[in-house]
C-alpha cells in the first residue's frame, strides 16, 4: 500500500481521514509520498513529494472537490507530470499500478519535510517571479523547474535524475568534484 504522509494542516482540511499504521510495509518502486497544503499566489495548492527521490509536483488552485477526491487528483497529476517529463508509457503505467491501493499517514521524516520547505520556497519564486502567476499550463513548467534544483543530501543529483534512476534502472552520471 502506498501511503501519502500528510501534514497536520492537510489532514485537517481532508476532515481527519482514517490513518494507516506507520508499520505498514513500504511498497516497492517509488514508495510513499508526502503532501502539504500551501497557499501560493493567494490560492490553495497541494505539494506532493516522493520520499525516495524528492521528485515533487504541485497541484494548483485546489478546491473542496479536489480534496474529496485526493487520490484521483494525485494519480491524474502524477500521470500528467511523468508524461511531461518524457517517461515511456509502460513506465508510467507501472508507477500508476503501484499506487492503486493508497492510504493516509502522518508525516514521519523531518528530512523530507525540510526538502519540501525548500521546494515550496522555489515554487513560490517560479510562480510569482518567473511565470507571473499560475494561469494556463505554467504549472508543468514550475514542476519541471523544481525537480531540476539540486537537493541537499541527494547524492548531488536533481530529483528528476533520482527518479529516472529509480524508474529506469539506468544510473545517471555523477558530477566530478575536484579537490583544490
C-alpha atoms as a PDB file:
ATOM      1  CA  UNK A   1       0.000   0.000   0.000  1.00  0.00           C
ATOM      2  CA  UNK A   2       1.301   3.412  -0.977  1.00  0.00           C
ATOM      3  CA  UNK A   3       0.918   5.959   1.803  1.00  0.00           C
ATOM      4  CA  UNK A   4       0.522   9.691   1.489  1.00  0.00           C
ATOM      5  CA  UNK A   5       2.115  11.164   4.616  1.00  0.00           C
ATOM      6  CA  UNK A   6       0.107  14.351   5.185  1.00  0.00           C
ATOM      7  CA  UNK A   7       0.948  17.362   7.286  1.00  0.00           C
ATOM      8  CA  UNK A   8      -1.463  18.172  10.121  1.00  0.00           C
ATOM      9  CA  UNK A   9      -2.804  21.130   8.116  1.00  0.00           C
ATOM     10  CA  UNK A  10      -3.707  18.908   5.161  1.00  0.00           C
ATOM     11  CA  UNK A  11      -5.180  16.162   7.357  1.00  0.00           C
ATOM     12  CA  UNK A  12      -7.446  18.742   8.993  1.00  0.00           C
ATOM     13  CA  UNK A  13      -8.533  20.074   5.588  1.00  0.00           C
ATOM     14  CA  UNK A  14      -9.287  16.482   4.493  1.00  0.00           C
ATOM     15  CA  UNK A  15     -11.584  16.053   7.506  1.00  0.00           C
ATOM     16  CA  UNK A  16      -9.179  13.908   9.559  1.00  0.00           C
ATOM     17  CA  UNK A  17      -9.371  10.720   7.444  1.00  0.00           C
ATOM     18  CA  UNK A  18      -8.504   7.325   8.985  1.00  0.00           C
ATOM     19  CA  UNK A  19      -4.747   6.836   9.192  1.00  0.00           C
ATOM     20  CA  UNK A  20      -2.707   3.745   8.397  1.00  0.00           C
ATOM     21  CA  UNK A  21      -0.228   2.367  10.881  1.00  0.00           C
ATOM     22  CA  UNK A  22       3.323   3.666  10.468  1.00  0.00           C
ATOM     23  CA  UNK A  23       4.338  -0.021  10.399  1.00  0.00           C
ATOM     24  CA  UNK A  24       2.603  -0.516   7.038  1.00  0.00           C
ATOM     25  CA  UNK A  25       5.173  -2.182   4.753  1.00  0.00           C
ATOM     26  CA  UNK A  26       6.938   0.236   2.432  1.00  0.00           C
ATOM     27  CA  UNK A  27       5.989  -0.507  -1.187  1.00  0.00           C
ATOM     28  CA  UNK A  28       8.449  -1.373  -3.931  1.00  0.00           C
ATOM     29  CA  UNK A  29       9.233   1.128  -6.651  1.00  0.00           C
ATOM     30  CA  UNK A  30       8.689   4.768  -5.767  1.00  0.00           C
ATOM     31  CA  UNK A  31       7.460   4.060  -2.260  1.00  0.00           C
ATOM     32  CA  UNK A  32       5.474   6.588  -0.267  1.00  0.00           C
ATOM     33  CA  UNK A  33       4.703  10.251  -0.817  1.00  0.00           C
ATOM     34  CA  UNK A  34       4.442  13.328   1.403  1.00  0.00           C
ATOM     35  CA  UNK A  35       1.815  16.040   0.953  1.00  0.00           C
ATOM     36  CA  UNK A  36       1.359  19.550   2.287  1.00  0.00           C
ATOM     37  CA  UNK A  37      -1.359  22.159   1.823  1.00  0.00           C
ATOM     38  CA  UNK A  38       0.102  25.517   0.791  1.00  0.00           C
ATOM     39  CA  UNK A  39      -1.037  28.972  -0.200  1.00  0.00           C
ATOM     40  CA  UNK A  40       0.823  30.349  -3.196  1.00  0.00           C
ATOM     41  CA  UNK A  41      -0.309  33.436  -5.047  1.00  0.00           C
ATOM     42  CA  UNK A  42      -3.324  33.549  -2.664  1.00  0.00           C
ATOM     43  CA  UNK A  43      -4.533  30.130  -3.799  1.00  0.00           C
ATOM     44  CA  UNK A  44      -4.570  26.737  -2.094  1.00  0.00           C
ATOM     45  CA  UNK A  45      -2.149  24.231  -3.564  1.00  0.00           C
ATOM     46  CA  UNK A  46      -1.010  20.737  -2.617  1.00  0.00           C
ATOM     47  CA  UNK A  47       2.652  19.823  -2.879  1.00  0.00           C
ATOM     48  CA  UNK A  48       3.406  16.109  -3.272  1.00  0.00           C
ATOM     49  CA  UNK A  49       6.985  14.910  -2.724  1.00  0.00           C
ATOM     50  CA  UNK A  50       8.298  11.383  -3.158  1.00  0.00           C
ATOM     51  CA  UNK A  51      10.185  10.161  -0.097  1.00  0.00           C
ATOM     52  CA  UNK A  52      12.869   8.254  -2.043  1.00  0.00           C
ATOM     53  CA  UNK A  53      13.711  10.700  -4.833  1.00  0.00           C
ATOM     54  CA  UNK A  54      12.288  14.036  -3.611  1.00  0.00           C
ATOM     55  CA  UNK A  55      10.581  14.287  -7.007  1.00  0.00           C
ATOM     56  CA  UNK A  56       7.734  16.756  -6.450  1.00  0.00           C
ATOM     57  CA  UNK A  57       4.728  18.204  -8.153  1.00  0.00           C
ATOM     58  CA  UNK A  58       2.325  20.934  -7.240  1.00  0.00           C
ATOM     59  CA  UNK A  59      -1.430  20.815  -7.765  1.00  0.00           C
ATOM     60  CA  UNK A  60      -2.602  24.428  -8.078  1.00  0.00           C
ATOM     61  CA  UNK A  61      -5.934  26.064  -7.283  1.00  0.00           C
ATOM     62  CA  UNK A  62      -7.184  23.264  -5.037  1.00  0.00           C
ATOM     63  CA  UNK A  63     -10.880  23.336  -4.179  1.00  0.00           C
ATOM     64  CA  UNK A  64     -13.048  21.267  -1.867  1.00  0.00           C
ATOM     65  CA  UNK A  65     -13.927  18.753  -4.610  1.00  0.00           C
ATOM     66  CA  UNK A  66     -10.206  18.233  -5.307  1.00  0.00           C
ATOM     67  CA  UNK A  67      -9.689  17.358  -1.655  1.00  0.00           C
ATOM     68  CA  UNK A  68     -12.656  14.967  -1.623  1.00  0.00           C
ATOM     69  CA  UNK A  69     -11.029  13.037  -4.490  1.00  0.00           C
ATOM     70  CA  UNK A  70      -7.415  13.475  -3.437  1.00  0.00           C
ATOM     71  CA  UNK A  71      -6.265  10.021  -4.569  1.00  0.00           C
ATOM     72  CA  UNK A  72      -7.719  10.571  -8.062  1.00  0.00           C
ATOM     73  CA  UNK A  73      -6.183  14.064  -8.184  1.00  0.00           C
ATOM     74  CA  UNK A  74      -2.817  12.634  -7.109  1.00  0.00           C
ATOM     75  CA  UNK A  75      -2.887   9.929  -9.808  1.00  0.00           C
ATOM     76  CA  UNK A  76      -4.060  12.330 -12.527  1.00  0.00           C
ATOM     77  CA  UNK A  77      -1.339  14.901 -11.784  1.00  0.00           C
ATOM     78  CA  UNK A  78       1.372  12.273 -11.285  1.00  0.00           C
ATOM     79  CA  UNK A  79       0.489  10.822 -14.703  1.00  0.00           C
ATOM     80  CA  UNK A  80       0.450  14.268 -16.321  1.00  0.00           C
ATOM     81  CA  UNK A  81       3.837  15.229 -14.828  1.00  0.00           C
ATOM     82  CA  UNK A  82       5.510  11.933 -15.737  1.00  0.00           C
ATOM     83  CA  UNK A  83       4.274  12.358 -19.320  1.00  0.00           C
ATOM     84  CA  UNK A  84       5.619  15.929 -19.385  1.00  0.00           C
ATOM     85  CA  UNK A  85       8.983  14.581 -18.192  1.00  0.00           C
ATOM     86  CA  UNK A  86       9.080  12.210 -21.176  1.00  0.00           C
ATOM     87  CA  UNK A  87       8.774   8.844 -19.416  1.00  0.00           C
ATOM     88  CA  UNK A  88       7.653   5.925 -21.576  1.00  0.00           C
ATOM     89  CA  UNK A  89       4.039   4.790 -21.253  1.00  0.00           C
ATOM     90  CA  UNK A  90       4.954   1.385 -19.778  1.00  0.00           C
ATOM     91  CA  UNK A  91       6.990   3.112 -17.020  1.00  0.00           C
ATOM     92  CA  UNK A  92       4.114   5.476 -16.226  1.00  0.00           C
ATOM     93  CA  UNK A  93       1.623   2.583 -16.144  1.00  0.00           C
ATOM     94  CA  UNK A  94       3.882   0.659 -13.748  1.00  0.00           C
ATOM     95  CA  UNK A  95       4.076   3.668 -11.416  1.00  0.00           C
ATOM     96  CA  UNK A  96       0.313   4.212 -11.513  1.00  0.00           C
ATOM     97  CA  UNK A  97      -0.271   0.499 -10.864  1.00  0.00           C
ATOM     98  CA  UNK A  98       1.890   0.732  -7.715  1.00  0.00           C
ATOM     99  CA  UNK A  99      -0.429   3.479  -6.444  1.00  0.00           C
ATOM    100  CA  UNK A 100      -3.718   1.622  -6.878  1.00  0.00           C
ATOM    101  CA  UNK A 101      -4.025   0.909  -3.156  1.00  0.00           C
ATOM    102  CA  UNK A 102      -3.457   4.078  -1.148  1.00  0.00           C
ATOM    103  CA  UNK A 103      -3.894   5.315   2.390  1.00  0.00           C
ATOM    104  CA  UNK A 104      -3.062   8.260   4.642  1.00  0.00           C
ATOM    105  CA  UNK A 105      -0.470   8.526   7.411  1.00  0.00           C
ATOM    106  CA  UNK A 106       1.074  11.303   9.470  1.00  0.00           C
ATOM    107  CA  UNK A 107       4.435  12.679   8.414  1.00  0.00           C
ATOM    108  CA  UNK A 108       7.404  10.674   9.655  1.00  0.00           C
ATOM    109  CA  UNK A 109      10.548  12.165   8.078  1.00  0.00           C
ATOM    110  CA  UNK A 110      11.941  15.562   9.010  1.00  0.00           C
ATOM    111  CA  UNK A 111      14.363  15.240   6.104  1.00  0.00           C
ATOM    112  CA  UNK A 112      11.539  15.065   3.559  1.00  0.00           C
ATOM    113  CA  UNK A 113       9.660  17.886   5.308  1.00  0.00           C
ATOM    114  CA  UNK A 114      12.800  20.049   5.179  1.00  0.00           C
ATOM    115  CA  UNK A 115      13.158  19.360   1.459  1.00  0.00           C
ATOM    116  CA  UNK A 116       9.503  20.284   0.988  1.00  0.00           C
ATOM    117  CA  UNK A 117      10.144  23.632   2.680  1.00  0.00           C
ATOM    118  CA  UNK A 118      12.917  24.342   0.163  1.00  0.00           C
ATOM    119  CA  UNK A 119      10.727  23.168  -2.737  1.00  0.00           C
ATOM    120  CA  UNK A 120       7.885  25.427  -1.569  1.00  0.00           C
ATOM    121  CA  UNK A 121      10.217  28.417  -1.494  1.00  0.00           C
ATOM    122  CA  UNK A 122      11.415  27.654  -5.027  1.00  0.00           C
ATOM    123  CA  UNK A 123       7.897  27.016  -6.333  1.00  0.00           C
ATOM    124  CA  UNK A 124       6.733  30.372  -4.965  1.00  0.00           C
ATOM    125  CA  UNK A 125       9.650  32.076  -6.708  1.00  0.00           C
ATOM    126  CA  UNK A 126       8.953  30.361 -10.041  1.00  0.00           C
ATOM    127  CA  UNK A 127       5.208  31.028  -9.892  1.00  0.00           C
ATOM    128  CA  UNK A 128       5.343  34.641  -8.767  1.00  0.00           C
ATOM    129  CA  UNK A 129       8.604  35.942 -10.241  1.00  0.00           C
ATOM    130  CA  UNK A 130       9.370  33.887 -13.332  1.00  0.00           C
ATOM    131  CA  UNK A 131       5.917  32.916 -14.609  1.00  0.00           C
ATOM    132  CA  UNK A 132       3.863  35.762 -13.076  1.00  0.00           C
ATOM    133  CA  UNK A 133       1.110  33.515 -11.730  1.00  0.00           C
ATOM    134  CA  UNK A 134      -0.378  30.048 -12.068  1.00  0.00           C
ATOM    135  CA  UNK A 135      -2.617  30.636 -15.074  1.00  0.00           C
ATOM    136  CA  UNK A 136      -2.522  28.444 -18.129  1.00  0.00           C
ATOM    137  CA  UNK A 137      -0.201  25.468 -18.473  1.00  0.00           C
ATOM    138  CA  UNK A 138       2.592  27.051 -16.479  1.00  0.00           C
ATOM    139  CA  UNK A 139       2.313  24.610 -13.594  1.00  0.00           C
ATOM    140  CA  UNK A 140       4.052  21.877 -15.619  1.00  0.00           C
ATOM    141  CA  UNK A 141       6.937  24.299 -16.208  1.00  0.00           C
ATOM    142  CA  UNK A 142       7.064  25.092 -12.488  1.00  0.00           C
ATOM    143  CA  UNK A 143       7.089  21.383 -11.635  1.00  0.00           C
ATOM    144  CA  UNK A 144       9.902  20.755 -14.109  1.00  0.00           C
ATOM    145  CA  UNK A 145      11.895  23.640 -12.649  1.00  0.00           C
ATOM    146  CA  UNK A 146      11.575  22.481  -9.037  1.00  0.00           C
ATOM    147  CA  UNK A 147      12.714  18.993  -9.998  1.00  0.00           C
ATOM    148  CA  UNK A 148      15.874  20.340 -11.574  1.00  0.00           C
ATOM    149  CA  UNK A 149      17.083  22.036  -8.399  1.00  0.00           C
ATOM    150  CA  UNK A 150      19.914  20.394  -6.515  1.00  0.00           C
ATOM    151  CA  UNK A 151      18.613  18.945  -3.243  1.00  0.00           C
ATOM    152  CA  UNK A 152      20.778  18.777  -0.145  1.00  0.00           C
ATOM    153  CA  UNK A 153      21.627  15.221   0.831  1.00  0.00           C
ATOM    154  CA  UNK A 154      20.535  13.791  -2.504  1.00  0.00           C
ATOM    155  CA  UNK A 155      23.907  12.401  -3.643  1.00  0.00           C
ATOM    156  CA  UNK A 156      24.378  15.533  -5.775  1.00  0.00           C
ATOM    157  CA  UNK A 157      21.543  14.666  -8.117  1.00  0.00           C
ATOM    158  CA  UNK A 158      18.438  16.577  -9.046  1.00  0.00           C
ATOM    159  CA  UNK A 159      15.118  14.924  -8.096  1.00  0.00           C
ATOM    160  CA  UNK A 160      14.353  14.240 -11.774  1.00  0.00           C
ATOM    161  CA  UNK A 161      17.656  12.368 -12.110  1.00  0.00           C
ATOM    162  CA  UNK A 162      16.980  10.306  -8.987  1.00  0.00           C
ATOM    163  CA  UNK A 163      13.503   9.486 -10.345  1.00  0.00           C
ATOM    164  CA  UNK A 164      14.966   8.455 -13.710  1.00  0.00           C
ATOM    165  CA  UNK A 165      17.472   6.169 -11.959  1.00  0.00           C
ATOM    166  CA  UNK A 166      14.793   4.553  -9.832  1.00  0.00           C
ATOM    167  CA  UNK A 167      12.288   4.034 -12.646  1.00  0.00           C
ATOM    168  CA  UNK A 168      14.627   3.017 -15.460  1.00  0.00           C
ATOM    169  CA  UNK A 169      17.441   1.375 -13.530  1.00  0.00           C
ATOM    170  CA  UNK A 170      19.993   3.396 -15.513  1.00  0.00           C
ATOM    171  CA  UNK A 171      22.463   5.244 -13.330  1.00  0.00           C
ATOM    172  CA  UNK A 172      22.833   8.952 -14.024  1.00  0.00           C
ATOM    173  CA  UNK A 173      26.411  10.191 -14.347  1.00  0.00           C
ATOM    174  CA  UNK A 174      27.518  11.981 -11.170  1.00  0.00           C
ATOM    175  CA  UNK A 175      29.381  15.280 -11.436  1.00  0.00           C
ATOM    176  CA  UNK A 176      33.052  15.030 -10.675  1.00  0.00           C
ATOM    177  CA  UNK A 177      34.214  17.045  -7.708  1.00  0.00           C
ATOM    178  CA  UNK A 178      37.798  18.291  -7.923  1.00  0.00           C
ATOM    179  CA  UNK A 179      39.730  18.877  -4.739  1.00  0.00           C
ATOM    180  CA  UNK A 180      41.735  22.045  -4.511  1.00  0.00           C
END
